[in-house]
């Protein structure tokens, strides 16, 4: 695995793990009421999207092994540029539905050293 690929995957993994720790034991209502939690989760999703964008450019084969990587990049763009249209329910849905798959896939990719 190329060094830049491994670094980008590590960045995705770290950001995804942080999101998981931030939301552990929390509900959608907790998320809605806590502006610091929302800001932290959104920031880590921005990091994930940017790292996946760079990965898609530098190593499209590896990026293609990550389910919905293109959607995660698009999600980052909405968070960054469409901040006024971000809906808490959508972010929370991504946390619950897509984040576990992303974490598992990136963990598997990082476990391969070749």
PDB file of N, CA and C in Angstrom:
ATOM      1  N   UNK A   1       0.855  -1.180   0.000  1.00  0.00           N
ATOM      2  CA  UNK A   1       0.000   0.000   0.000  1.00  0.00           C
ATOM      3  C   UNK A   1       0.892   1.232   0.000  1.00  0.00           C
ATOM      4  N   UNK A   2       0.548   2.175  -0.844  1.00  0.00           N
ATOM      5  CA  UNK A   2       1.331   3.410  -0.930  1.00  0.00           C
ATOM      6  C   UNK A   2       1.184   4.215   0.359  1.00  0.00           C
ATOM      7  N   UNK A   3       2.231   4.962   0.675  1.00  0.00           N
ATOM      8  CA  UNK A   3       2.244   5.750   1.909  1.00  0.00           C
ATOM      9  C   UNK A   3       1.087   6.743   1.955  1.00  0.00           C
ATOM     10  N   UNK A   4       0.855   7.467   0.863  1.00  0.00           N
ATOM     11  CA  UNK A   4      -0.217   8.468   0.880  1.00  0.00           C
ATOM     12  C   UNK A   4      -1.578   7.804   1.025  1.00  0.00           C
ATOM     13  N   UNK A   5      -1.757   6.624   0.440  1.00  0.00           N
ATOM     14  CA  UNK A   5      -3.013   5.900   0.592  1.00  0.00           C
ATOM     15  C   UNK A   5      -3.221   5.527   2.050  1.00  0.00           C
ATOM     16  N   UNK A   6      -2.192   4.976   2.661  1.00  0.00           N
ATOM     17  CA  UNK A   6      -2.293   4.572   4.066  1.00  0.00           C
ATOM     18  C   UNK A   6      -2.583   5.777   4.961  1.00  0.00           C
ATOM     19  N   UNK A   7      -1.946   6.890   4.709  1.00  0.00           N
ATOM     20  CA  UNK A   7      -2.169   8.109   5.505  1.00  0.00           C
ATOM     21  C   UNK A   7      -3.605   8.599   5.361  1.00  0.00           C
ATOM     22  N   UNK A   8      -4.108   8.610   4.144  1.00  0.00           N
ATOM     23  CA  UNK A   8      -5.482   9.065   3.922  1.00  0.00           C
ATOM     24  C   UNK A   8      -6.487   8.127   4.585  1.00  0.00           C
ATOM     25  N   UNK A   9      -6.258   6.824   4.473  1.00  0.00           N
ATOM     26  CA  UNK A   9      -7.143   5.860   5.129  1.00  0.00           C
ATOM     27  C   UNK A   9      -7.083   6.022   6.647  1.00  0.00           C
ATOM     28  N   UNK A  10      -5.900   6.270   7.155  1.00  0.00           N
ATOM     29  CA  UNK A  10      -5.765   6.499   8.589  1.00  0.00           C
ATOM     30  C   UNK A  10      -6.557   7.746   9.005  1.00  0.00           C
ATOM     31  N   UNK A  11      -6.482   8.806   8.219  1.00  0.00           N
ATOM     32  CA  UNK A  11      -7.241  10.025   8.523  1.00  0.00           C
ATOM     33  C   UNK A  11      -8.742   9.749   8.544  1.00  0.00           C
ATOM     34  N   UNK A  12      -9.217   8.955   7.586  1.00  0.00           N
ATOM     35  CA  UNK A  12     -10.636   8.587   7.557  1.00  0.00           C
ATOM     36  C   UNK A  12     -10.987   7.793   8.805  1.00  0.00           C
ATOM     37  N   UNK A  13     -10.159   6.809   9.113  1.00  0.00           N
ATOM     38  CA  UNK A  13     -10.421   5.962  10.278  1.00  0.00           C
ATOM     39  C   UNK A  13     -10.445   6.786  11.567  1.00  0.00           C
ATOM     40  N   UNK A  14      -9.475   7.657  11.727  1.00  0.00           N
ATOM     41  CA  UNK A  14      -9.401   8.474  12.937  1.00  0.00           C
ATOM     42  C   UNK A  14     -10.633   9.375  13.070  1.00  0.00           C
ATOM     43  N   UNK A  15     -11.027  10.023  11.995  1.00  0.00           N
ATOM     44  CA  UNK A  15     -12.197  10.903  12.037  1.00  0.00           C
ATOM     45  C   UNK A  15     -13.471  10.105  12.308  1.00  0.00           C
ATOM     46  N   UNK A  16     -13.596   8.942  11.674  1.00  0.00           N
ATOM     47  CA  UNK A  16     -14.776   8.106  11.883  1.00  0.00           C
ATOM     48  C   UNK A  16     -14.832   7.603  13.324  1.00  0.00           C
ATOM     49  N   UNK A  17     -13.697   7.217  13.862  1.00  0.00           N
ATOM     50  CA  UNK A  17     -13.659   6.764  15.254  1.00  0.00           C
ATOM     51  C   UNK A  17     -14.016   7.898  16.215  1.00  0.00           C
ATOM     52  N   UNK A  18     -13.564   9.091  15.907  1.00  0.00           N
ATOM     53  CA  UNK A  18     -13.919  10.241  16.748  1.00  0.00           C
ATOM     54  C   UNK A  18     -15.424  10.489  16.725  1.00  0.00           C
ATOM     55  N   UNK A  19     -16.013  10.440  15.536  1.00  0.00           N
ATOM     56  CA  UNK A  19     -17.469  10.628  15.453  1.00  0.00           C
ATOM     57  C   UNK A  19     -18.172   9.579  16.302  1.00  0.00           C
ATOM     58  N   UNK A  20     -17.756   8.331  16.155  1.00  0.00           N
ATOM     59  CA  UNK A  20     -18.391   7.258  16.926  1.00  0.00           C
ATOM     60  C   UNK A  20     -18.281   7.520  18.425  1.00  0.00           C
ATOM     61  N   UNK A  21     -17.131   8.007  18.869  1.00  0.00           N
ATOM     62  CA  UNK A  21     -16.977   8.289  20.298  1.00  0.00           C
ATOM     63  C   UNK A  21     -17.815   9.495  20.718  1.00  0.00           C
ATOM     64  N   UNK A  22     -17.922  10.489  19.855  1.00  0.00           N
ATOM     65  CA  UNK A  22     -18.712  11.679  20.175  1.00  0.00           C
ATOM     66  C   UNK A  22     -20.192  11.345  20.373  1.00  0.00           C
ATOM     67  N   UNK A  23     -20.717  10.436  19.555  1.00  0.00           N
ATOM     68  CA  UNK A  23     -22.159  10.164  19.558  1.00  0.00           C
ATOM     69  C   UNK A  23     -22.538   8.970  20.423  1.00  0.00           C
ATOM     70  N   UNK A  24     -21.561   8.286  20.965  1.00  0.00           N
ATOM     71  CA  UNK A  24     -21.844   7.109  21.783  1.00  0.00           C
ATOM     72  C   UNK A  24     -22.782   7.468  22.938  1.00  0.00           C
ATOM     73  N   UNK A  25     -23.876   6.739  23.036  1.00  0.00           N
ATOM     74  CA  UNK A  25     -24.847   6.981  24.099  1.00  0.00           C
ATOM     75  C   UNK A  25     -25.712   8.203  23.904  1.00  0.00           C
ATOM     76  N   UNK A  26     -25.602   8.829  22.739  1.00  0.00           N
ATOM     77  CA  UNK A  26     -26.377  10.042  22.456  1.00  0.00           C
ATOM     78  C   UNK A  26     -27.545   9.719  21.532  1.00  0.00           C
ATOM     79  N   UNK A  27     -28.539  10.558  21.566  1.00  0.00           N
ATOM     80  CA  UNK A  27     -29.715  10.418  20.702  1.00  0.00           C
ATOM     81  C   UNK A  27     -29.751  11.581  19.708  1.00  0.00           C
ATOM     82  N   UNK A  28     -30.655  11.479  18.759  1.00  0.00           N
ATOM     83  CA  UNK A  28     -30.857  12.584  17.819  1.00  0.00           C
ATOM     84  C   UNK A  28     -31.217  13.858  18.565  1.00  0.00           C
ATOM     85  N   UNK A  29     -32.032  13.743  19.582  1.00  0.00           N
ATOM     86  CA  UNK A  29     -32.406  14.934  20.360  1.00  0.00           C
ATOM     87  C   UNK A  29     -31.192  15.535  21.066  1.00  0.00           C
ATOM     88  N   UNK A  30     -30.315  14.696  21.595  1.00  0.00           N
ATOM     89  CA  UNK A  30     -29.070  15.205  22.199  1.00  0.00           C
ATOM     90  C   UNK A  30     -28.268  15.965  21.150  1.00  0.00           C
ATOM     91  N   UNK A  31     -28.196  15.364  19.968  1.00  0.00           N
ATOM     92  CA  UNK A  31     -27.439  15.972  18.870  1.00  0.00           C
ATOM     93  C   UNK A  31     -28.024  17.339  18.512  1.00  0.00           C
ATOM     94  N   UNK A  32     -29.334  17.402  18.406  1.00  0.00           N
ATOM     95  CA  UNK A  32     -29.998  18.668  18.058  1.00  0.00           C
ATOM     96  C   UNK A  32     -29.749  19.756  19.095  1.00  0.00           C
ATOM     97  N   UNK A  33     -29.699  19.384  20.356  1.00  0.00           N
ATOM     98  CA  UNK A  33     -29.582  20.365  21.438  1.00  0.00           C
ATOM     99  C   UNK A  33     -28.156  20.799  21.732  1.00  0.00           C
ATOM    100  N   UNK A  34     -27.171  20.106  21.148  1.00  0.00           N
ATOM    101  CA  UNK A  34     -25.784  20.370  21.519  1.00  0.00           C
ATOM    102  C   UNK A  34     -24.996  20.917  20.326  1.00  0.00           C
ATOM    103  N   UNK A  35     -24.856  22.240  20.241  1.00  0.00           N
ATOM    104  CA  UNK A  35     -24.162  22.821  19.094  1.00  0.00           C
ATOM    105  C   UNK A  35     -22.692  22.394  18.998  1.00  0.00           C
ATOM    106  N   UNK A  36     -22.062  22.130  20.136  1.00  0.00           N
ATOM    107  CA  UNK A  36     -20.669  21.690  20.086  1.00  0.00           C
ATOM    108  C   UNK A  36     -20.577  20.272  19.504  1.00  0.00           C
ATOM    109  N   UNK A  37     -21.493  19.410  19.860  1.00  0.00           N
ATOM    110  CA  UNK A  37     -21.530  18.060  19.311  1.00  0.00           C
ATOM    111  C   UNK A  37     -21.773  18.105  17.800  1.00  0.00           C
ATOM    112  N   UNK A  38     -22.729  18.914  17.372  1.00  0.00           N
ATOM    113  CA  UNK A  38     -23.004  19.046  15.933  1.00  0.00           C
ATOM    114  C   UNK A  38     -21.769  19.543  15.192  1.00  0.00           C
ATOM    115  N   UNK A  39     -21.119  20.560  15.732  1.00  0.00           N
ATOM    116  CA  UNK A  39     -19.939  21.115  15.075  1.00  0.00           C
ATOM    117  C   UNK A  39     -18.819  20.080  14.999  1.00  0.00           C
ATOM    118  N   UNK A  40     -18.635  19.319  16.061  1.00  0.00           N
ATOM    119  CA  UNK A  40     -17.569  18.314  16.077  1.00  0.00           C
ATOM    120  C   UNK A  40     -17.840  17.205  15.069  1.00  0.00           C
ATOM    121  N   UNK A  41     -19.057  16.713  15.032  1.00  0.00           N
ATOM    122  CA  UNK A  41     -19.416  15.644  14.090  1.00  0.00           C
ATOM    123  C   UNK A  41     -19.279  16.143  12.656  1.00  0.00           C
ATOM    124  N   UNK A  42     -19.801  17.313  12.382  1.00  0.00           N
ATOM    125  CA  UNK A  42     -19.720  17.852  11.027  1.00  0.00           C
ATOM    126  C   UNK A  42     -18.264  18.063  10.604  1.00  0.00           C
ATOM    127  N   UNK A  43     -17.437  18.543  11.496  1.00  0.00           N
ATOM    128  CA  UNK A  43     -16.025  18.766  11.165  1.00  0.00           C
ATOM    129  C   UNK A  43     -15.329  17.452  10.811  1.00  0.00           C
ATOM    130  N   UNK A  44     -15.587  16.417  11.576  1.00  0.00           N
ATOM    131  CA  UNK A  44     -14.959  15.124  11.288  1.00  0.00           C
ATOM    132  C   UNK A  44     -15.475  14.538   9.980  1.00  0.00           C
ATOM    133  N   UNK A  45     -16.750  14.762   9.657  1.00  0.00           N
ATOM    134  CA  UNK A  45     -17.259  14.328   8.351  1.00  0.00           C
ATOM    135  C   UNK A  45     -16.591  15.113   7.217  1.00  0.00           C
ATOM    136  N   UNK A  46     -16.289  16.376   7.463  1.00  0.00           N
ATOM    137  CA  UNK A  46     -15.564  17.152   6.455  1.00  0.00           C
ATOM    138  C   UNK A  46     -14.179  16.551   6.216  1.00  0.00           C
ATOM    139  N   UNK A  47     -13.517  16.147   7.284  1.00  0.00           N
ATOM    140  CA  UNK A  47     -12.200  15.516   7.152  1.00  0.00           C
ATOM    141  C   UNK A  47     -12.316  14.209   6.381  1.00  0.00           C
ATOM    142  N   UNK A  48     -13.310  13.404   6.711  1.00  0.00           N
ATOM    143  CA  UNK A  48     -13.523  12.144   5.989  1.00  0.00           C
ATOM    144  C   UNK A  48     -13.727  12.410   4.505  1.00  0.00           C
ATOM    145  N   UNK A  49     -14.590  13.343   4.177  1.00  0.00           N
ATOM    146  CA  UNK A  49     -14.874  13.642   2.777  1.00  0.00           C
ATOM    147  C   UNK A  49     -13.664  14.156   2.027  1.00  0.00           C
ATOM    148  N   UNK A  50     -12.893  15.001   2.673  1.00  0.00           N
ATOM    149  CA  UNK A  50     -11.694  15.537   2.016  1.00  0.00           C
ATOM    150  C   UNK A  50     -10.647  14.443   1.813  1.00  0.00           C
ATOM    151  N   UNK A  51     -10.461  13.601   2.813  1.00  0.00           N
ATOM    152  CA  UNK A  51      -9.495  12.502   2.668  1.00  0.00           C
ATOM    153  C   UNK A  51      -9.933  11.541   1.564  1.00  0.00           C
ATOM    154  N   UNK A  52     -11.224  11.257   1.486  1.00  0.00           N
ATOM    155  CA  UNK A  52     -11.715  10.367   0.432  1.00  0.00           C
ATOM    156  C   UNK A  52     -11.592  11.013  -0.945  1.00  0.00           C
ATOM    157  N   UNK A  53     -11.787  12.309  -1.014  1.00  0.00           N
ATOM    158  CA  UNK A  53     -11.601  13.018  -2.287  1.00  0.00           C
ATOM    159  C   UNK A  53     -10.158  12.896  -2.759  1.00  0.00           C
ATOM    160  N   UNK A  54      -9.228  13.100  -1.847  1.00  0.00           N
ATOM    161  CA  UNK A  54      -7.808  12.976  -2.198  1.00  0.00           C
ATOM    162  C   UNK A  54      -7.457  11.534  -2.559  1.00  0.00           C
ATOM    163  N   UNK A  55      -8.038  10.589  -1.833  1.00  0.00           N
ATOM    164  CA  UNK A  55      -7.792   9.177  -2.119  1.00  0.00           C
ATOM    165  C   UNK A  55      -8.323   8.805  -3.503  1.00  0.00           C
ATOM    166  N   UNK A  56      -9.502   9.299  -3.848  1.00  0.00           N
ATOM    167  CA  UNK A  56     -10.081   9.007  -5.158  1.00  0.00           C
ATOM    168  C   UNK A  56      -9.208   9.546  -6.281  1.00  0.00           C
ATOM    169  N   UNK A  57      -8.550  10.630  -6.009  1.00  0.00           N
ATOM    170  CA  UNK A  57      -7.670  11.228  -7.009  1.00  0.00           C
ATOM    171  C   UNK A  57      -6.334  10.483  -7.105  1.00  0.00           C
ATOM    172  N   UNK A  58      -5.754  10.132  -5.959  1.00  0.00           N
ATOM    173  CA  UNK A  58      -4.414   9.536  -5.955  1.00  0.00           C
ATOM    174  C   UNK A  58      -4.423   8.013  -6.082  1.00  0.00           C
ATOM    175  N   UNK A  59      -5.493   7.369  -5.631  1.00  0.00           N
ATOM    176  CA  UNK A  59      -5.575   5.903  -5.662  1.00  0.00           C
ATOM    177  C   UNK A  59      -7.030   5.484  -5.868  1.00  0.00           C
ATOM    178  N   UNK A  60      -7.537   5.667  -7.096  1.00  0.00           N
ATOM    179  CA  UNK A  60      -8.954   5.385  -7.354  1.00  0.00           C
ATOM    180  C   UNK A  60      -9.351   3.932  -7.111  1.00  0.00           C
ATOM    181  N   UNK A  61      -8.424   3.000  -7.274  1.00  0.00           N
ATOM    182  CA  UNK A  61      -8.760   1.594  -7.030  1.00  0.00           C
ATOM    183  C   UNK A  61      -9.107   1.356  -5.566  1.00  0.00           C
ATOM    184  N   UNK A  62      -8.306   1.907  -4.671  1.00  0.00           N
ATOM    185  CA  UNK A  62      -8.587   1.751  -3.245  1.00  0.00           C
ATOM    186  C   UNK A  62      -9.859   2.510  -2.873  1.00  0.00           C
ATOM    187  N   UNK A  63     -10.011   3.712  -3.366  1.00  0.00           N
ATOM    188  CA  UNK A  63     -11.228   4.486  -3.071  1.00  0.00           C
ATOM    189  C   UNK A  63     -12.463   3.720  -3.530  1.00  0.00           C
ATOM    190  N   UNK A  64     -12.368   3.054  -4.672  1.00  0.00           N
ATOM    191  CA  UNK A  64     -13.491   2.292  -5.204  1.00  0.00           C
ATOM    192  C   UNK A  64     -13.894   1.113  -4.334  1.00  0.00           C
ATOM    193  N   UNK A  65     -13.033   0.702  -3.428  1.00  0.00           N
ATOM    194  CA  UNK A  65     -13.349  -0.401  -2.522  1.00  0.00           C
ATOM    195  C   UNK A  65     -14.131   0.071  -1.299  1.00  0.00           C
ATOM    196  N   UNK A  66     -14.309   1.373  -1.173  1.00  0.00           N
ATOM    197  CA  UNK A  66     -15.039   1.944  -0.041  1.00  0.00           C
ATOM    198  C   UNK A  66     -16.461   2.254  -0.499  1.00  0.00           C
ATOM    199  N   UNK A  67     -17.444   1.531   0.059  1.00  0.00           N
ATOM    200  CA  UNK A  67     -18.829   1.771  -0.355  1.00  0.00           C
ATOM    201  C   UNK A  67     -19.229   3.238  -0.157  1.00  0.00           C
ATOM    202  N   UNK A  68     -19.889   3.760  -1.138  1.00  0.00           N
ATOM    203  CA  UNK A  68     -20.442   5.127  -1.069  1.00  0.00           C
ATOM    204  C   UNK A  68     -19.395   6.211  -0.868  1.00  0.00           C
ATOM    205  N   UNK A  69     -18.151   5.960  -1.284  1.00  0.00           N
ATOM    206  CA  UNK A  69     -17.127   6.993  -1.078  1.00  0.00           C
ATOM    207  C   UNK A  69     -17.497   8.282  -1.801  1.00  0.00           C
ATOM    208  N   UNK A  70     -18.100   8.166  -2.969  1.00  0.00           N
ATOM    209  CA  UNK A  70     -18.500   9.371  -3.708  1.00  0.00           C
ATOM    210  C   UNK A  70     -19.577  10.147  -2.940  1.00  0.00           C
ATOM    211  N   UNK A  71     -20.513   9.420  -2.344  1.00  0.00           N
ATOM    212  CA  UNK A  71     -21.552  10.088  -1.554  1.00  0.00           C
ATOM    213  C   UNK A  71     -20.969  10.773  -0.321  1.00  0.00           C
ATOM    214  N   UNK A  72     -19.935  10.175   0.270  1.00  0.00           N
ATOM    215  CA  UNK A  72     -19.289  10.796   1.434  1.00  0.00           C
ATOM    216  C   UNK A  72     -18.567  12.086   1.025  1.00  0.00           C
ATOM    217  N   UNK A  73     -17.996  12.086  -0.168  1.00  0.00           N
ATOM    218  CA  UNK A  73     -17.355  13.304  -0.682  1.00  0.00           C
ATOM    219  C   UNK A  73     -18.413  14.380  -0.911  1.00  0.00           C
ATOM    220  N   UNK A  74     -19.523  13.987  -1.524  1.00  0.00           N
ATOM    221  CA  UNK A  74     -20.615  14.934  -1.761  1.00  0.00           C
ATOM    222  C   UNK A  74     -21.181  15.467  -0.441  1.00  0.00           C
ATOM    223  N   UNK A  75     -21.285  14.587   0.555  1.00  0.00           N
ATOM    224  CA  UNK A  75     -21.779  14.985   1.873  1.00  0.00           C
ATOM    225  C   UNK A  75     -20.859  16.038   2.488  1.00  0.00           C
ATOM    226  N   UNK A  76     -19.561  15.839   2.336  1.00  0.00           N
ATOM    227  CA  UNK A  76     -18.589  16.823   2.817  1.00  0.00           C
ATOM    228  C   UNK A  76     -18.817  18.169   2.160  1.00  0.00           C
ATOM    229  N   UNK A  77     -19.094  18.159   0.867  1.00  0.00           N
ATOM    230  CA  UNK A  77     -19.322  19.408   0.150  1.00  0.00           C
ATOM    231  C   UNK A  77     -20.559  20.132   0.668  1.00  0.00           C
ATOM    232  N   UNK A  78     -21.601  19.383   0.968  1.00  0.00           N
ATOM    233  CA  UNK A  78     -22.806  20.003   1.534  1.00  0.00           C
ATOM    234  C   UNK A  78     -22.492  20.608   2.899  1.00  0.00           C
ATOM    235  N   UNK A  79     -21.789  19.848   3.724  1.00  0.00           N
ATOM    236  CA  UNK A  79     -21.452  20.362   5.060  1.00  0.00           C
ATOM    237  C   UNK A  79     -20.602  21.626   4.973  1.00  0.00           C
ATOM    238  N   UNK A  80     -19.669  21.637   4.039  1.00  0.00           N
ATOM    239  CA  UNK A  80     -18.743  22.771   3.919  1.00  0.00           C
ATOM    240  C   UNK A  80     -19.364  23.977   3.240  1.00  0.00           C
ATOM    241  N   UNK A  81     -20.123  23.736   2.197  1.00  0.00           N
ATOM    242  CA  UNK A  81     -20.602  24.843   1.367  1.00  0.00           C
ATOM    243  C   UNK A  81     -22.095  25.119   1.510  1.00  0.00           C
ATOM    244  N   UNK A  82     -22.833  24.135   2.011  1.00  0.00           N
ATOM    245  CA  UNK A  82     -24.275  24.312   2.146  1.00  0.00           C
ATOM    246  C   UNK A  82     -24.688  24.281   3.600  1.00  0.00           C
ATOM    247  N   UNK A  83     -23.832  24.861   4.434  1.00  0.00           N
ATOM    248  CA  UNK A  83     -24.052  24.813   5.879  1.00  0.00           C
ATOM    249  C   UNK A  83     -25.461  25.227   6.285  1.00  0.00           C
ATOM    250  N   UNK A  84     -26.081  26.096   5.506  1.00  0.00           N
ATOM    251  CA  UNK A  84     -27.402  26.601   5.858  1.00  0.00           C
ATOM    252  C   UNK A  84     -28.534  25.638   5.519  1.00  0.00           C
ATOM    253  N   UNK A  85     -28.223  24.574   4.806  1.00  0.00           N
ATOM    254  CA  UNK A  85     -29.263  23.602   4.452  1.00  0.00           C
ATOM    255  C   UNK A  85     -29.036  22.243   5.112  1.00  0.00           C
ATOM    256  N   UNK A  86     -28.023  22.141   5.960  1.00  0.00           N
ATOM    257  CA  UNK A  86     -27.727  20.871   6.630  1.00  0.00           C
ATOM    258  C   UNK A  86     -28.873  20.545   7.583  1.00  0.00           C
ATOM    259  N   UNK A  87     -29.354  19.324   7.488  1.00  0.00           N
ATOM    260  CA  UNK A  87     -30.441  18.873   8.355  1.00  0.00           C
ATOM    261  C   UNK A  87     -29.890  17.861   9.355  1.00  0.00           C
ATOM    262  N   UNK A  88     -30.192  18.088  10.624  1.00  0.00           N
ATOM    263  CA  UNK A  88     -29.682  17.221  11.683  1.00  0.00           C
ATOM    264  C   UNK A  88     -30.064  15.758  11.455  1.00  0.00           C
ATOM    265  N   UNK A  89     -31.278  15.523  10.969  1.00  0.00           N
ATOM    266  CA  UNK A  89     -31.743  14.152  10.751  1.00  0.00           C
ATOM    267  C   UNK A  89     -30.885  13.437   9.710  1.00  0.00           C
ATOM    268  N   UNK A  90     -30.452  14.174   8.700  1.00  0.00           N
ATOM    269  CA  UNK A  90     -29.618  13.575   7.644  1.00  0.00           C
ATOM    270  C   UNK A  90     -28.252  13.216   8.221  1.00  0.00           C
ATOM    271  N   UNK A  91     -27.650  14.145   8.941  1.00  0.00           N
ATOM    272  CA  UNK A  91     -26.337  13.877   9.538  1.00  0.00           C
ATOM    273  C   UNK A  91     -26.447  12.674  10.476  1.00  0.00           C
ATOM    274  N   UNK A  92     -27.460  12.666  11.312  1.00  0.00           N
ATOM    275  CA  UNK A  92     -27.639  11.573  12.260  1.00  0.00           C
ATOM    276  C   UNK A  92     -27.865  10.247  11.522  1.00  0.00           C
ATOM    277  N   UNK A  93     -28.580  10.294  10.410  1.00  0.00           N
ATOM    278  CA  UNK A  93     -28.785   9.093   9.607  1.00  0.00           C
ATOM    279  C   UNK A  93     -27.483   8.563   9.032  1.00  0.00           C
ATOM    280  N   UNK A  94     -26.625   9.452   8.579  1.00  0.00           N
ATOM    281  CA  UNK A  94     -25.313   9.039   8.055  1.00  0.00           C
ATOM    282  C   UNK A  94     -24.491   8.413   9.179  1.00  0.00           C
ATOM    283  N   UNK A  95     -24.571   8.993  10.360  1.00  0.00           N
ATOM    284  CA  UNK A  95     -23.853   8.439  11.518  1.00  0.00           C
ATOM    285  C   UNK A  95     -24.309   7.002  11.775  1.00  0.00           C
ATOM    286  N   UNK A  96     -25.601   6.785  11.753  1.00  0.00           N
ATOM    287  CA  UNK A  96     -26.126   5.467  12.094  1.00  0.00           C
ATOM    288  C   UNK A  96     -26.026   4.431  10.996  1.00  0.00           C
ATOM    289  N   UNK A  97     -26.193   4.856   9.753  1.00  0.00           N
ATOM    290  CA  UNK A  97     -26.258   3.905   8.644  1.00  0.00           C
ATOM    291  C   UNK A  97     -24.935   3.710   7.917  1.00  0.00           C
ATOM    292  N   UNK A  98     -24.211   4.764   7.686  1.00  0.00           N
ATOM    293  CA  UNK A  98     -23.025   4.685   6.833  1.00  0.00           C
ATOM    294  C   UNK A  98     -21.706   4.630   7.612  1.00  0.00           C
ATOM    295  N   UNK A  99     -21.660   5.269   8.753  1.00  0.00           N
ATOM    296  CA  UNK A  99     -20.407   5.315   9.509  1.00  0.00           C
ATOM    297  C   UNK A  99     -19.910   3.926   9.921  1.00  0.00           C
ATOM    298  N   UNK A 100     -20.777   3.021  10.410  1.00  0.00           N
ATOM    299  CA  UNK A 100     -20.272   1.696  10.784  1.00  0.00           C
ATOM    300  C   UNK A 100     -19.663   0.934   9.594  1.00  0.00           C
ATOM    301  N   UNK A 101     -20.267   1.051   8.438  1.00  0.00           N
ATOM    302  CA  UNK A 101     -19.745   0.387   7.231  1.00  0.00           C
ATOM    303  C   UNK A 101     -18.412   0.999   6.832  1.00  0.00           C
ATOM    304  N   UNK A 102     -18.344   2.317   6.878  1.00  0.00           N
ATOM    305  CA  UNK A 102     -17.099   3.011   6.547  1.00  0.00           C
ATOM    306  C   UNK A 102     -15.978   2.586   7.494  1.00  0.00           C
ATOM    307  N   UNK A 103     -16.265   2.557   8.779  1.00  0.00           N
ATOM    308  CA  UNK A 103     -15.244   2.178   9.760  1.00  0.00           C
ATOM    309  C   UNK A 103     -14.748   0.756   9.521  1.00  0.00           C
ATOM    310  N   UNK A 104     -15.669  -0.158   9.266  1.00  0.00           N
ATOM    311  CA  UNK A 104     -15.279  -1.550   9.036  1.00  0.00           C
ATOM    312  C   UNK A 104     -14.449  -1.697   7.768  1.00  0.00           C
ATOM    313  N   UNK A 105     -14.879  -1.040   6.705  1.00  0.00           N
ATOM    314  CA  UNK A 105     -14.169  -1.152   5.423  1.00  0.00           C
ATOM    315  C   UNK A 105     -12.779  -0.566   5.518  1.00  0.00           C
ATOM    316  N   UNK A 106     -12.660   0.607   6.084  1.00  0.00           N
ATOM    317  CA  UNK A 106     -11.342   1.249   6.187  1.00  0.00           C
ATOM    318  C   UNK A 106     -10.443   0.445   7.125  1.00  0.00           C
ATOM    319  N   UNK A 107     -11.007  -0.097   8.178  1.00  0.00           N
ATOM    320  CA  UNK A 107     -10.217  -0.949   9.063  1.00  0.00           C
ATOM    321  C   UNK A 107      -9.655  -2.146   8.329  1.00  0.00           C
ATOM    322  N   UNK A 108     -10.467  -2.770   7.481  1.00  0.00           N
ATOM    323  CA  UNK A 108      -9.997  -3.908   6.683  1.00  0.00           C
ATOM    324  C   UNK A 108      -8.907  -3.477   5.710  1.00  0.00           C
ATOM    325  N   UNK A 109      -9.098  -2.354   5.042  1.00  0.00           N
ATOM    326  CA  UNK A 109      -8.104  -1.881   4.095  1.00  0.00           C
ATOM    327  C   UNK A 109      -6.774  -1.580   4.789  1.00  0.00           C
ATOM    328  N   UNK A 110      -6.840  -1.017   5.960  1.00  0.00           N
ATOM    329  CA  UNK A 110      -5.611  -0.699   6.697  1.00  0.00           C
ATOM    330  C   UNK A 110      -4.923  -1.962   7.226  1.00  0.00           C
ATOM    331  N   UNK A 111      -5.690  -3.024   7.418  1.00  0.00           N
ATOM    332  CA  UNK A 111      -5.081  -4.247   7.932  1.00  0.00           C
ATOM    333  C   UNK A 111      -4.222  -4.945   6.882  1.00  0.00           C
ATOM    334  N   UNK A 112      -4.469  -4.637   5.613  1.00  0.00           N
ATOM    335  CA  UNK A 112      -3.634  -5.185   4.536  1.00  0.00           C
ATOM    336  C   UNK A 112      -2.396  -4.307   4.402  1.00  0.00           C
ATOM    337  N   UNK A 113      -1.268  -4.887   4.463  1.00  0.00           N
ATOM    338  CA  UNK A 113      -0.035  -4.110   4.358  1.00  0.00           C
ATOM    339  C   UNK A 113       0.544  -4.131   2.952  1.00  0.00           C
ATOM    340  N   UNK A 114      -0.091  -4.818   2.028  1.00  0.00           N
ATOM    341  CA  UNK A 114       0.459  -4.948   0.685  1.00  0.00           C
ATOM    342  C   UNK A 114      -0.173  -4.146  -0.345  1.00  0.00           C
TER     343      UNK A 114
END
